[in-house]
Amino acid sequence: MGADPAPDLGEPLTKPEEAPKKLSKVVEGLKKVWDVVCEQWFILGLGFAIGFAAAVPDFGRNGGWIAAQWTIKYGAVIIIFFLSGCSLKTRALVNAAARLHVHLFIQSICLVLTPAIGYGISRALATSSMNSYLVNGLVVAMVMPTTISTNVVFTKQAGGNEAAALINAVIGNLIGIFVSPGWLKLYLGESGQAPYEDIIQNLAITIIAPLIVGQLVQYFLPDYVKKAQEYINFGKVGNLMIILLVWNTFCNTFYKDIQLAASSWVPMLFLLIGMFLFFSALSVALATFVPLKKLFKFDKPDAVAVIMCGSTKTLALGMPLITVMYGKSANAGILSLPLIIYHATQCLLGSIMVPRIRSWVESPSPGAWPASAWHPPPPLAEQAAGGDSAKEAPTVSPGSSGSSHSGTATAAAGMPAGAEDADPELGGKGDPEVAVRV
């Protein structure tokens, strides 16, 4: 009796030739995910920092597990300004410091215009059912000077005038220790004195000293700095420091466990997001408005510094000032909430705005409105050539070799510059027939 035939098991579930195809699709999908992560790592990092802060606020809060009041508040900011000192040319800093009109313009937006608008909005909210301490906290947030670090980092990444942003971060916070308490006295009737010594010491340690050290390193060890920049992306290091600062801010916020009805803080959240976007749009509108652009001699990089410095507010002065003026109040946490929300908003939305602003800076548009009113001055060389041609009549004889005069003559005749060079056999001296016609 013969052996039974082997049972037919059917076709294999996966053909041998199909397995590599499926594997390659998985690899391709993972590669796309990795590309998105690499491209959007900063936004994802901010999201992770906020979630991690909510889960373990003790880790990154001031006085917490890693003593963030020293390791982050000082360490991260020192790194940011040390790298700025290593990368910024001394001449650029000196030139930026000498442009007093730019500083006056930025500080007028940040310390005069935005506080006035914030106060007006708070008076409108005072008649609503929103928590009154939260409403007053809006005023507290708006009277603060520009932030210390994020404006400098974002200005650099957006192709703006980093030196101008850095100078205004220092100037704004020095002026703010006097101006901000004055506004609070005027708007809210609250009197208090900012901790001048502490704030000035903080600015000296976290901004001025690292900046000077970075400048010295750049001057005495330029080769080492260039070598370091080949291996280390200073911009990404600055972004990482911003993520740490945001993480610290949210750790402090979640640790306080502020009890507030959603009917108050949710509208305030959307209001502050809208205010940041409005102040950003207002800053760019003022910096690119033709009469102001001509008066203050702004270019696109200057406008970026105006946006990043004019629309942002600092926690470095705000929190100590709230502690001094309202530390004994049980509602001090509610008063600080608008400033904390606004600070987080400017970090999140600012990072989203950076690539779009950089594209605008690199575009050929003049960055002025109304565009019909903008007539940029010609380059100095053209002005000099124009002055010479105005003094002498553009007479061009056949075979003339004066390229500047022939170019001026053809332009005056409505012909495109360089038409005289159309025949290469003439050695660039122009076509005699064209010259006669001119």
Protein backbone atom coordinates (compact mmCIF):
# COMPACT_ATOMS: atom_id res chain seq x y z
CA MET A 1 0.00 0.00 0.00
CA GLY A 2 1.53 3.32 -1.14
CA ALA A 3 2.29 6.23 1.14
CA ASP A 4 -0.42 8.87 1.48
CA PRO A 5 0.26 12.05 -0.53
CA ALA A 6 1.38 15.08 1.48
CA PRO A 7 -1.51 17.37 2.39
CA ASP A 8 -1.80 20.60 0.37
CA LEU A 9 -1.13 23.44 2.79
CA GLY A 10 -2.02 26.07 0.23
CA GLU A 11 -0.08 29.19 -0.71
CA PRO A 12 2.28 30.59 1.95
CA LEU A 13 0.88 33.63 3.78
CA THR A 14 3.79 35.75 2.62
CA LYS A 15 5.70 35.08 -0.53
CA PRO A 16 9.47 35.23 -0.11
CA GLU A 17 9.77 38.07 -2.62
CA GLU A 18 7.10 40.16 -0.79
CA ALA A 19 8.86 40.22 2.60
CA PRO A 20 11.66 42.63 1.54
CA LYS A 21 9.07 44.96 -0.03
CA LYS A 22 7.04 45.14 3.18
CA LEU A 23 10.19 45.67 5.22
CA SER A 24 11.30 48.49 2.91
CA LYS A 25 7.90 50.17 3.29
CA VAL A 26 8.21 50.00 7.07
CA VAL A 27 11.72 51.45 6.92
CA GLU A 28 10.54 54.20 4.56
CA GLY A 29 7.67 55.04 6.91
CA LEU A 30 9.99 55.19 9.90
CA LYS A 31 12.36 57.40 7.93
CA LYS A 32 9.54 59.85 7.16
CA VAL A 33 8.57 59.94 10.82
CA TRP A 34 12.20 60.57 11.77
CA ASP A 35 12.46 63.39 9.21
CA VAL A 36 9.40 65.06 10.73
CA VAL A 37 10.86 64.67 14.22
CA CYS A 38 14.17 66.19 13.09
CA GLU A 39 12.41 69.06 11.34
CA GLN A 40 9.93 69.82 14.13
CA TRP A 41 12.04 68.75 17.10
CA PHE A 42 11.73 72.10 18.83
CA ILE A 43 7.91 72.14 18.81
CA LEU A 44 7.83 68.49 19.88
CA GLY A 45 10.38 69.25 22.60
CA LEU A 46 8.22 72.06 23.95
CA GLY A 47 5.21 69.73 24.01
CA PHE A 48 7.20 67.06 25.83
CA ALA A 49 8.53 69.65 28.33
CA ILE A 50 5.00 70.80 29.17
CA GLY A 51 3.70 67.24 29.55
CA PHE A 52 6.68 66.19 31.65
CA ALA A 53 6.25 69.28 33.84
CA ALA A 54 2.60 68.38 34.43
CA ALA A 55 3.55 64.81 35.36
CA VAL A 56 6.52 65.59 37.63
CA PRO A 57 6.53 69.30 38.57
CA ASP A 58 8.96 68.72 41.47
CA PHE A 59 11.69 67.74 39.03
CA GLY A 60 12.19 71.10 37.29
CA ARG A 61 10.70 73.66 39.66
CA ASN A 62 12.68 76.25 41.57
CA GLY A 63 13.85 74.58 44.77
CA GLY A 64 13.04 71.16 43.33
CA TRP A 65 15.11 68.08 42.66
CA ILE A 66 17.68 69.76 40.39
CA ALA A 67 17.58 73.24 42.01
CA ALA A 68 16.36 74.77 38.77
CA GLN A 69 16.65 78.30 40.15
CA TRP A 70 20.40 77.82 39.63
CA THR A 71 20.89 75.06 37.09
CA ILE A 72 18.31 76.35 34.59
CA LYS A 73 17.51 79.97 35.46
CA TYR A 74 21.20 80.80 35.50
CA GLY A 75 22.81 77.95 33.57
CA ALA A 76 20.59 78.00 30.47
CA VAL A 77 20.62 81.79 30.11
CA ILE A 78 24.40 81.97 30.63
CA ILE A 79 24.92 79.42 27.84
CA ILE A 80 22.67 81.40 25.47
CA PHE A 81 24.58 84.66 25.93
CA PHE A 82 28.00 83.03 25.99
CA LEU A 83 27.29 81.53 22.56
CA SER A 84 26.00 84.93 21.39
CA GLY A 85 29.27 86.47 22.55
CA CYS A 86 31.24 83.83 20.65
CA SER A 87 29.32 84.32 17.40
CA LEU A 88 28.56 88.07 17.32
CA LYS A 89 31.23 90.39 15.99
CA THR A 90 32.28 93.16 18.38
CA ARG A 91 31.76 95.76 15.67
CA ALA A 92 28.17 94.59 15.21
CA LEU A 93 27.50 94.99 18.94
CA VAL A 94 29.06 98.45 19.03
CA ASN A 95 27.12 99.58 15.96
CA ALA A 96 23.89 98.20 17.41
CA ALA A 97 24.48 99.93 20.74
CA ALA A 98 25.01 103.27 18.94
CA ARG A 99 21.63 103.11 17.17
CA LEU A 100 19.73 104.89 19.92
CA HIS A 101 16.74 105.57 17.69
CA VAL A 102 16.17 101.82 17.26
CA HIS A 103 16.24 101.25 21.02
CA LEU A 104 13.85 104.16 21.58
CA PHE A 105 11.43 102.71 19.03
CA ILE A 106 11.48 99.19 20.52
CA GLN A 107 11.20 100.33 24.13
CA SER A 108 8.33 102.66 23.23
CA ILE A 109 6.38 99.67 21.91
CA CYS A 110 7.24 97.34 24.78
CA LEU A 111 7.09 99.74 27.75
CA VAL A 112 4.58 102.36 26.60
CA LEU A 113 2.26 101.08 23.88
CA THR A 114 1.61 97.51 25.04
CA PRO A 115 1.03 98.52 28.71
CA ALA A 116 -1.51 101.13 27.61
CA ILE A 117 -3.36 98.65 25.40
CA GLY A 118 -3.26 96.01 28.13
CA TYR A 119 -4.68 98.44 30.66
CA GLY A 120 -7.51 99.41 28.29
CA ILE A 121 -8.45 95.75 27.76
CA SER A 122 -8.34 95.09 31.51
CA ARG A 123 -10.76 97.93 32.18
CA ALA A 124 -13.19 96.39 29.68
CA LEU A 125 -12.83 93.01 31.41
CA ALA A 126 -13.36 94.54 34.84
CA THR A 127 -17.09 94.76 34.13
CA SER A 128 -17.29 91.04 33.26
CA SER A 129 -17.56 88.04 35.55
CA MET A 130 -13.85 87.21 35.15
CA ASN A 131 -11.80 86.91 38.34
CA SER A 132 -10.66 90.43 39.30
CA TYR A 133 -7.17 89.26 40.35
CA LEU A 134 -6.74 87.58 36.97
CA VAL A 135 -7.76 90.83 35.26
CA ASN A 136 -5.22 92.79 37.29
CA GLY A 137 -2.68 90.11 36.45
CA LEU A 138 -3.16 91.02 32.79
CA VAL A 139 -1.99 94.56 33.59
CA VAL A 140 0.97 93.17 35.54
CA ALA A 141 1.99 91.06 32.53
CA MET A 142 1.69 93.89 30.02
CA VAL A 143 3.81 96.42 31.94
CA MET A 144 6.82 94.10 31.95
CA PRO A 145 9.85 94.72 29.69
CA THR A 146 10.94 92.42 26.90
CA THR A 147 12.20 88.95 27.71
CA ILE A 148 15.89 88.27 28.24
CA SER A 149 16.71 85.22 26.13
CA THR A 150 14.01 84.00 23.73
CA ASN A 151 13.91 87.26 21.77
CA VAL A 152 17.66 87.04 21.06
CA VAL A 153 17.51 83.37 20.02
CA PHE A 154 14.44 83.81 17.80
CA THR A 155 15.78 87.00 16.21
CA LYS A 156 18.97 85.21 15.21
CA GLN A 157 17.12 82.20 13.81
CA ALA A 158 14.74 84.40 11.82
CA GLY A 159 17.61 86.22 10.12
CA GLY A 160 17.13 89.38 12.16
CA ASN A 161 19.46 91.84 13.83
CA GLU A 162 20.66 89.71 16.74
CA ALA A 163 22.91 92.45 18.12
CA ALA A 164 20.01 94.93 18.30
CA ALA A 165 17.82 92.34 20.06
CA LEU A 166 20.57 91.60 22.59
CA ILE A 167 21.18 95.28 23.36
CA ASN A 168 17.45 95.85 23.82
CA ALA A 169 17.13 92.85 26.13
CA VAL A 170 19.65 94.50 28.44
CA ILE A 171 18.31 98.04 28.09
CA GLY A 172 14.68 96.97 28.47
CA ASN A 173 15.26 95.06 31.68
CA LEU A 174 17.39 97.84 33.19
CA ILE A 175 14.73 100.44 32.41
CA GLY A 176 11.96 98.06 33.41
CA ILE A 177 13.00 97.87 37.06
CA PHE A 178 11.99 101.55 37.30
CA VAL A 179 9.23 101.84 34.68
CA SER A 180 7.20 98.71 35.50
CA PRO A 181 6.57 99.60 39.17
CA GLY A 182 5.61 103.09 38.00
CA TRP A 183 2.98 101.74 35.64
CA LEU A 184 1.57 99.47 38.36
CA LYS A 185 1.29 102.47 40.67
CA LEU A 186 -0.48 104.48 37.96
CA TYR A 187 -2.79 101.76 36.64
CA LEU A 188 -3.56 99.67 39.73
CA GLY A 189 -2.61 101.98 42.60
CA GLU A 190 -0.13 99.40 43.86
CA SER A 191 3.10 100.80 45.24
CA GLY A 192 6.25 98.82 45.61
CA GLN A 193 9.91 98.82 44.81
CA ALA A 194 11.53 96.37 42.48
CA PRO A 195 14.45 94.43 43.95
CA TYR A 196 16.99 96.58 42.09
CA GLU A 197 20.13 94.94 43.41
CA ASP A 198 18.94 91.41 42.74
CA ILE A 199 17.79 92.19 39.20
CA ILE A 200 20.91 94.13 38.23
CA GLN A 201 23.07 91.36 39.70
CA ASN A 202 21.05 88.79 37.75
CA LEU A 203 21.52 90.74 34.50
CA ALA A 204 25.25 91.09 35.15
CA ILE A 205 25.71 87.36 35.85
CA THR A 206 23.44 85.91 33.17
CA ILE A 207 23.86 88.39 30.28
CA ILE A 208 26.72 90.86 30.52
CA ALA A 209 29.44 88.60 31.96
CA PRO A 210 28.81 85.65 29.57
CA LEU A 211 28.64 88.05 26.64
CA ILE A 212 32.00 89.63 27.54
CA VAL A 213 33.61 86.22 28.10
CA GLY A 214 32.28 85.04 24.73
CA GLN A 215 33.69 88.14 23.04
CA LEU A 216 37.09 87.53 24.64
CA VAL A 217 37.08 83.89 23.56
CA GLN A 218 36.19 84.95 20.02
CA TYR A 219 38.99 87.55 19.99
CA PHE A 220 41.80 85.46 21.48
CA LEU A 221 40.79 82.00 20.24
CA PRO A 222 39.09 82.54 16.87
CA ASP A 223 40.29 79.22 15.44
CA TYR A 224 38.80 77.28 18.33
CA VAL A 225 35.49 79.10 17.93
CA LYS A 226 35.36 78.27 14.21
CA LYS A 227 36.22 74.66 14.97
CA ALA A 228 33.49 74.48 17.60
CA GLN A 229 30.94 75.91 15.17
CA GLU A 230 31.77 73.13 12.71
CA TYR A 231 30.75 70.48 15.23
CA ILE A 232 28.17 72.31 17.36
CA ASN A 233 25.08 74.05 16.04
CA PHE A 234 24.88 77.12 18.28
CA GLY A 235 21.30 77.80 17.18
CA LYS A 236 20.07 74.35 18.22
CA VAL A 237 21.86 74.65 21.56
CA GLY A 238 20.03 77.94 22.12
CA ASN A 239 16.72 76.24 21.27
CA LEU A 240 17.47 73.47 23.75
CA MET A 241 18.05 76.09 26.45
CA ILE A 242 14.67 77.68 25.60
CA ILE A 243 12.99 74.28 26.07
CA LEU A 244 14.61 73.99 29.50
CA LEU A 245 13.39 77.47 30.47
CA VAL A 246 9.83 76.65 29.34
CA TRP A 247 9.98 73.37 31.26
CA ASN A 248 11.05 75.23 34.40
CA THR A 249 8.24 77.77 33.96
CA PHE A 250 5.56 75.07 33.68
CA CYS A 251 7.02 73.04 36.55
CA ASN A 252 6.64 76.10 38.78
CA THR A 253 3.11 76.68 37.48
CA PHE A 254 1.88 73.11 37.99
CA TYR A 255 3.53 72.91 41.40
CA LYS A 256 1.56 75.93 42.62
CA ASP A 257 -1.69 74.15 41.72
CA ILE A 258 -3.58 77.41 41.20
CA GLN A 259 -7.30 76.90 41.79
CA LEU A 260 -9.27 78.96 39.27
CA ALA A 261 -12.58 78.45 37.51
CA ALA A 262 -12.35 77.48 33.86
CA SER A 263 -14.78 80.30 33.05
CA SER A 264 -11.97 82.72 33.96
CA TRP A 265 -8.72 81.15 32.82
CA VAL A 266 -9.89 79.69 29.49
CA PRO A 267 -11.03 83.09 28.08
CA MET A 268 -7.83 84.63 29.45
CA LEU A 269 -5.76 81.97 27.66
CA PHE A 270 -7.29 82.77 24.28
CA LEU A 271 -7.15 86.50 24.97
CA LEU A 272 -3.41 86.35 25.69
CA ILE A 273 -2.77 84.29 22.56
CA GLY A 274 -4.66 86.91 20.55
CA MET A 275 -2.77 89.75 22.24
CA PHE A 276 0.61 88.24 21.42
CA LEU A 277 -0.34 87.80 17.77
CA PHE A 278 -1.73 91.35 17.69
CA PHE A 279 1.38 92.87 19.25
CA SER A 280 3.56 90.93 16.80
CA ALA A 281 1.51 92.19 13.85
CA LEU A 282 1.51 95.72 15.28
CA SER A 283 5.29 95.65 15.69
CA VAL A 284 5.93 94.57 12.11
CA ALA A 285 3.35 97.05 10.82
CA LEU A 286 5.04 99.94 12.62
CA ALA A 287 8.56 98.84 11.63
CA THR A 288 7.65 98.53 7.93
CA PHE A 289 5.38 101.59 7.65
CA VAL A 290 7.18 103.74 5.08
CA PRO A 291 7.36 107.05 7.03
CA LEU A 292 8.67 105.27 10.16
CA LYS A 293 10.92 102.98 8.13
CA LYS A 294 12.59 106.03 6.55
CA LEU A 295 12.71 108.02 9.79
CA PHE A 296 14.34 105.23 11.83
CA LYS A 297 16.27 103.74 8.87
CA PHE A 298 14.90 100.22 9.41
CA ASP A 299 15.67 97.25 7.21
CA LYS A 300 14.11 93.78 7.40
CA PRO A 301 16.54 92.42 10.03
CA ASP A 302 15.76 95.46 12.19
CA ALA A 303 12.04 94.77 11.80
CA VAL A 304 12.59 91.21 13.07
CA ALA A 305 14.27 92.58 16.20
CA VAL A 306 11.32 94.96 16.67
CA ILE A 307 8.86 92.04 16.43
CA MET A 308 10.72 89.77 18.84
CA CYS A 309 11.51 92.49 21.40
CA GLY A 310 8.37 94.61 21.09
CA SER A 311 5.85 91.80 21.59
CA THR A 312 7.51 89.71 24.33
CA LYS A 313 7.45 89.99 28.13
CA THR A 314 9.89 88.74 30.75
CA LEU A 315 9.41 86.49 33.74
CA ALA A 316 12.83 87.42 35.13
CA LEU A 317 11.55 90.79 36.37
CA GLY A 318 7.85 89.92 36.55
CA MET A 319 7.97 87.16 39.13
CA PRO A 320 10.23 88.99 41.64
CA LEU A 321 8.11 92.13 41.26
CA ILE A 322 4.91 90.18 41.90
CA THR A 323 6.54 88.62 44.97
CA VAL A 324 7.53 92.05 46.32
CA MET A 325 4.16 93.72 45.68
CA TYR A 326 1.74 90.85 46.21
CA GLY A 327 3.73 88.21 48.09
CA LYS A 328 1.53 88.47 51.18
CA SER A 329 -1.67 88.05 49.15
CA ALA A 330 -3.27 84.63 48.89
CA ASN A 331 -4.05 85.48 45.26
CA ALA A 332 -0.46 86.12 44.19
CA GLY A 333 -0.54 82.93 42.11
CA ILE A 334 -3.60 84.11 40.18
CA LEU A 335 -1.95 87.49 39.57
CA SER A 336 1.09 85.79 38.07
CA LEU A 337 -0.91 83.44 35.83
CA PRO A 338 -1.40 85.85 32.85
CA LEU A 339 2.34 86.55 32.74
CA ILE A 340 3.14 82.83 32.85
CA ILE A 341 0.61 82.07 30.09
CA TYR A 342 1.88 84.95 27.94
CA HIS A 343 5.49 83.83 28.40
CA ALA A 344 4.63 80.27 27.33
CA THR A 345 2.61 81.62 24.39
CA GLN A 346 5.48 83.72 23.10
CA CYS A 347 7.79 80.70 23.25
CA LEU A 348 5.39 78.36 21.43
CA LEU A 349 4.04 80.77 18.82
CA GLY A 350 7.40 82.50 18.42
CA SER A 351 9.02 79.22 17.42
CA ILE A 352 6.27 78.67 14.83
CA MET A 353 6.70 82.19 13.47
CA VAL A 354 10.49 81.95 13.05
CA PRO A 355 10.64 80.05 9.71
CA ARG A 356 7.93 82.22 8.20
CA ILE A 357 9.64 85.42 9.26
CA ARG A 358 12.95 84.12 7.91
CA SER A 359 11.32 83.43 4.55
CA TRP A 360 10.02 87.00 4.55
CA VAL A 361 13.49 88.37 5.35
CA GLU A 362 15.05 86.36 2.51
CA SER A 363 12.33 87.26 -0.01
CA PRO A 364 12.90 90.05 -2.56
CA SER A 365 9.98 92.12 -1.25
CA PRO A 366 10.99 95.56 0.08
CA GLY A 367 9.37 94.99 3.47
CA ALA A 368 7.54 98.29 3.37
CA TRP A 369 3.93 99.43 3.19
CA PRO A 370 2.28 101.00 1.37
CA ALA A 371 4.58 99.59 -1.33
CA SER A 372 3.71 102.41 -3.73
CA ALA A 373 5.22 104.94 -1.32
CA TRP A 374 8.53 103.12 -0.93
CA HIS A 375 11.34 104.32 -3.16
CA PRO A 376 14.62 102.90 -1.89
CA PRO A 377 17.64 105.15 -2.35
CA PRO A 378 20.08 104.01 -5.05
CA PRO A 379 23.42 102.57 -4.01
CA LEU A 380 26.19 105.08 -3.31
CA ALA A 381 28.08 104.11 -6.46
CA GLU A 382 25.00 104.80 -8.58
CA GLN A 383 24.43 108.09 -6.79
CA ALA A 384 28.00 109.14 -7.56
CA ALA A 385 27.66 108.08 -11.19
CA GLY A 386 24.36 109.91 -11.42
CA GLY A 387 25.92 113.07 -10.00
CA ASP A 388 28.75 112.98 -12.54
CA SER A 389 26.39 112.40 -15.45
CA ALA A 390 24.17 115.26 -14.31
CA LYS A 391 27.10 117.65 -14.47
CA GLU A 392 28.25 116.54 -17.94
CA ALA A 393 26.06 115.93 -20.96
CA PRO A 394 26.06 112.26 -21.96
CA THR A 395 27.73 112.72 -25.34
CA VAL A 396 29.08 109.46 -26.63
CA SER A 397 31.10 109.29 -29.80
CA PRO A 398 31.52 106.23 -31.99
CA GLY A 399 34.06 103.86 -30.53
CA SER A 400 33.97 105.50 -27.09
CA SER A 401 35.38 103.22 -24.39
CA GLY A 402 33.91 104.94 -21.35
CA SER A 403 31.66 102.23 -20.00
CA SER A 404 30.13 104.34 -17.23
CA HIS A 405 29.21 107.17 -19.59
CA SER A 406 27.84 104.85 -22.27
CA GLY A 407 25.84 102.99 -19.62
CA THR A 408 24.42 106.27 -18.34
CA ALA A 409 23.60 107.38 -21.84
CA THR A 410 21.76 104.21 -22.73
CA ALA A 411 19.83 104.31 -19.47
CA ALA A 412 18.90 107.93 -20.14
CA ALA A 413 17.64 106.95 -23.55
CA GLY A 414 15.38 104.31 -22.01
CA MET A 415 17.55 101.40 -23.12
CA PRO A 416 18.59 98.56 -20.84
CA ALA A 417 21.97 99.02 -19.24
CA GLY A 418 24.59 96.88 -20.91
CA ALA A 419 23.03 97.09 -24.39
CA GLU A 420 26.28 98.59 -25.61
CA ASP A 421 28.05 95.32 -24.78
CA ALA A 422 25.83 93.22 -27.02
CA ASP A 423 28.59 92.58 -29.57
CA PRO A 424 31.45 90.68 -27.90
CA GLU A 425 33.73 91.30 -30.85
CA LEU A 426 33.96 94.98 -29.92
CA GLY A 427 35.74 94.13 -26.69
CA GLY A 428 32.98 95.57 -24.53
CA LYS A 429 33.40 99.08 -25.93
CA GLY A 430 29.92 99.24 -27.36
CA ASP A 431 28.33 99.13 -30.78
CA PRO A 432 29.29 102.29 -32.72
CA GLU A 433 25.88 102.48 -34.40
CA VAL A 434 24.08 102.22 -31.07
CA ALA A 435 26.37 104.88 -29.63
CA VAL A 436 25.60 107.27 -32.49
CA ARG A 437 21.87 106.76 -32.08
CA VAL A 438 22.18 107.59 -28.36
